[in-house]
Amino acid sequence: MENRLKNKNTNNPGVRSAVQHLQKAIAAGGVAPKLLAPVHLRASQINNCSACVYAGVAGAKKAGDTDERLHNVAAWREAPFYTDAERAALALTEAATRLQDGAPGVTDEIWEEADAHFTEEQIGAINLEIALTDFFNRINRTIKEPAGKTWG
């Protein structure tokens, strides 16, 4: 796969600044990077974004995650490697990301489970992580960004 953009430096610097502000807001939400990494990875898997899956695995390892856990993110419901809080975050991720599939979205049950494990600020950060990941997934799929790069 070859990237459709030959010169990525033509991007509007205002977009880069806006993304950096969103990343700072996510970090300020008080959620450990080790919990946010599987959220990013799962959304990227659902959206079939190989570039973000690749970068997500690299980021998760940097945050201290293990190969065992990373290899099982797609099957998190059946795998014994995740805490109840991580499962709540992954359920929220799937529900919010699968909106385009005609799924019901974030049900009250999914929200209540997340609310049982996280503060409102943390849920806000997780929700922003999901949305920002979906944003990058769509851009990368559109421009055919190939896997093999990390961004930080």
Protein backbone atom coordinates (compact mmCIF):
# COMPACT_ATOMS: atom_id res chain seq x y z
CA MET A 1 0.00 0.00 0.00
CA GLU A 2 1.34 3.41 -0.93
CA ASN A 3 0.36 6.62 0.79
CA ARG A 4 -1.74 8.87 -1.44
CA LEU A 5 -0.17 12.01 0.04
CA LYS A 6 3.29 12.60 -1.33
CA ASN A 7 3.99 15.63 0.86
CA LYS A 8 2.43 15.49 4.29
CA ASN A 9 3.98 18.82 5.22
CA THR A 10 1.19 20.57 3.34
CA ASN A 11 -1.15 19.82 6.24
CA ASN A 12 -2.63 22.81 7.98
CA PRO A 13 -0.56 23.55 11.12
CA GLY A 14 -3.79 24.48 12.90
CA VAL A 15 -4.91 20.85 12.65
CA ARG A 16 -1.69 19.65 14.26
CA SER A 17 -2.13 22.18 17.07
CA ALA A 18 -5.75 21.12 17.62
CA VAL A 19 -4.73 17.45 17.83
CA GLN A 20 -2.01 18.30 20.33
CA HIS A 21 -4.58 20.10 22.49
CA LEU A 22 -6.84 17.05 22.37
CA GLN A 23 -3.93 14.81 23.35
CA LYS A 24 -3.16 17.09 26.30
CA ALA A 25 -6.82 16.98 27.36
CA ILE A 26 -6.75 13.18 27.22
CA ALA A 27 -3.58 13.07 29.32
CA ALA A 28 -5.12 15.47 31.84
CA GLY A 29 -8.07 13.12 32.33
CA GLY A 30 -6.12 10.92 34.72
CA VAL A 31 -6.29 7.64 32.80
CA ALA A 32 -3.11 5.56 32.72
CA PRO A 33 -1.53 5.25 29.27
CA LYS A 34 -1.54 1.47 29.77
CA LEU A 35 -5.36 1.58 29.84
CA LEU A 36 -5.68 4.02 26.94
CA ALA A 37 -3.42 1.94 24.68
CA PRO A 38 -5.81 -1.04 24.33
CA VAL A 39 -8.65 1.44 23.75
CA HIS A 40 -6.71 2.93 20.83
CA LEU A 41 -5.75 -0.52 19.56
CA ARG A 42 -9.29 -1.92 19.70
CA ALA A 43 -10.83 1.04 17.88
CA SER A 44 -8.12 0.78 15.22
CA GLN A 45 -8.76 -2.95 14.81
CA ILE A 46 -12.48 -2.35 14.34
CA ASN A 47 -11.78 0.37 11.77
CA ASN A 48 -9.19 -1.78 9.97
CA CYS A 49 -6.52 0.90 10.21
CA SER A 50 -3.23 -0.99 9.89
CA ALA A 51 -1.15 2.14 10.49
CA CYS A 52 -2.89 2.82 13.82
CA VAL A 53 -2.84 -0.86 14.83
CA TYR A 54 0.90 -0.87 14.26
CA ALA A 55 1.43 2.40 16.13
CA GLY A 56 -1.01 1.31 18.83
CA VAL A 57 0.94 -1.85 19.57
CA ALA A 58 4.18 0.13 19.74
CA GLY A 59 2.57 2.69 22.08
CA ALA A 60 1.12 -0.03 24.28
CA LYS A 61 4.50 -1.71 24.64
CA LYS A 62 6.04 1.65 25.49
CA ALA A 63 3.36 2.02 28.20
CA GLY A 64 4.36 -1.38 29.61
CA ASP A 65 1.81 -3.70 28.06
CA THR A 66 2.64 -7.31 27.23
CA ASP A 67 2.48 -9.28 23.99
CA GLU A 68 0.04 -11.66 25.66
CA ARG A 69 -2.46 -8.88 26.32
CA LEU A 70 -1.91 -7.14 22.99
CA HIS A 71 -2.47 -10.33 21.01
CA ASN A 72 -5.81 -10.77 22.74
CA VAL A 73 -7.33 -7.29 22.52
CA ALA A 74 -9.58 -8.38 19.65
CA ALA A 75 -10.92 -11.19 21.86
CA TRP A 76 -10.91 -9.31 25.17
CA ARG A 77 -14.27 -10.73 26.28
CA GLU A 78 -12.93 -14.28 26.25
CA ALA A 79 -9.38 -13.53 27.40
CA PRO A 80 -8.49 -13.56 31.12
CA PHE A 81 -5.87 -10.81 30.87
CA TYR A 82 -7.97 -7.69 31.50
CA THR A 83 -9.28 -6.02 34.63
CA ASP A 84 -12.95 -5.13 35.05
CA ALA A 85 -12.06 -1.48 34.45
CA GLU A 86 -10.24 -2.35 31.22
CA ARG A 87 -13.20 -4.43 30.10
CA ALA A 88 -15.52 -1.49 30.76
CA ALA A 89 -13.26 0.78 28.69
CA LEU A 90 -13.08 -1.75 25.86
CA ALA A 91 -16.86 -2.19 25.85
CA LEU A 92 -17.25 1.59 25.66
CA THR A 93 -14.71 1.66 22.83
CA GLU A 94 -16.52 -0.95 20.79
CA ALA A 95 -19.95 0.59 21.31
CA ALA A 96 -18.78 4.10 20.39
CA THR A 97 -16.73 2.93 17.40
CA ARG A 98 -19.31 0.60 15.87
CA LEU A 99 -21.90 3.34 15.37
CA GLN A 100 -21.42 3.12 11.62
CA ASP A 101 -22.34 -0.57 11.73
CA GLY A 102 -25.87 0.27 12.85
CA ALA A 103 -25.14 -0.90 16.38
CA PRO A 104 -27.16 0.63 19.20
CA GLY A 105 -24.19 2.69 20.40
CA VAL A 106 -23.34 3.18 24.04
CA THR A 107 -26.19 1.62 25.97
CA ASP A 108 -27.08 2.57 29.52
CA GLU A 109 -25.59 -0.72 30.69
CA ILE A 110 -22.24 0.00 29.02
CA TRP A 111 -22.23 3.55 30.39
CA GLU A 112 -23.10 2.42 33.91
CA GLU A 113 -20.27 -0.13 33.87
CA ALA A 114 -17.78 2.54 32.80
CA ASP A 115 -19.21 4.91 35.41
CA ALA A 116 -18.62 2.26 38.08
CA HIS A 117 -14.89 2.21 37.32
CA PHE A 118 -14.03 5.73 36.24
CA THR A 119 -14.63 9.32 37.26
CA GLU A 120 -16.42 11.64 34.84
CA GLU A 121 -13.06 13.18 33.93
CA GLN A 122 -11.63 9.75 33.16
CA ILE A 123 -14.66 8.74 31.08
CA GLY A 124 -14.27 12.02 29.22
CA ALA A 125 -10.62 11.21 28.51
CA ILE A 126 -11.46 7.69 27.36
CA ASN A 127 -14.23 9.02 25.14
CA LEU A 128 -11.84 11.59 23.65
CA GLU A 129 -9.26 8.84 23.05
CA ILE A 130 -11.88 6.80 21.20
CA ALA A 131 -12.97 9.79 19.11
CA LEU A 132 -9.41 10.87 18.30
CA THR A 133 -8.47 7.32 17.34
CA ASP A 134 -11.52 7.06 15.08
CA PHE A 135 -10.50 10.43 13.56
CA PHE A 136 -6.98 9.18 12.79
CA ASN A 137 -8.31 5.85 11.54
CA ARG A 138 -10.50 7.59 8.99
CA ILE A 139 -7.74 9.90 7.80
CA ASN A 140 -5.23 7.06 7.52
CA ARG A 141 -7.67 4.81 5.66
CA THR A 142 -8.50 7.67 3.27
CA ILE A 143 -4.88 8.50 2.44
CA LYS A 144 -3.79 4.83 2.56
CA GLU A 145 -1.21 5.40 5.28
CA PRO A 146 0.82 2.17 5.42
CA ALA A 147 1.63 0.34 8.62
CA GLY A 148 5.18 0.55 9.88
CA LYS A 149 5.38 3.99 11.46
CA THR A 150 4.95 5.23 14.98
CA TRP A 151 4.14 8.81 15.81
CA GLY A 152 5.69 9.47 19.17
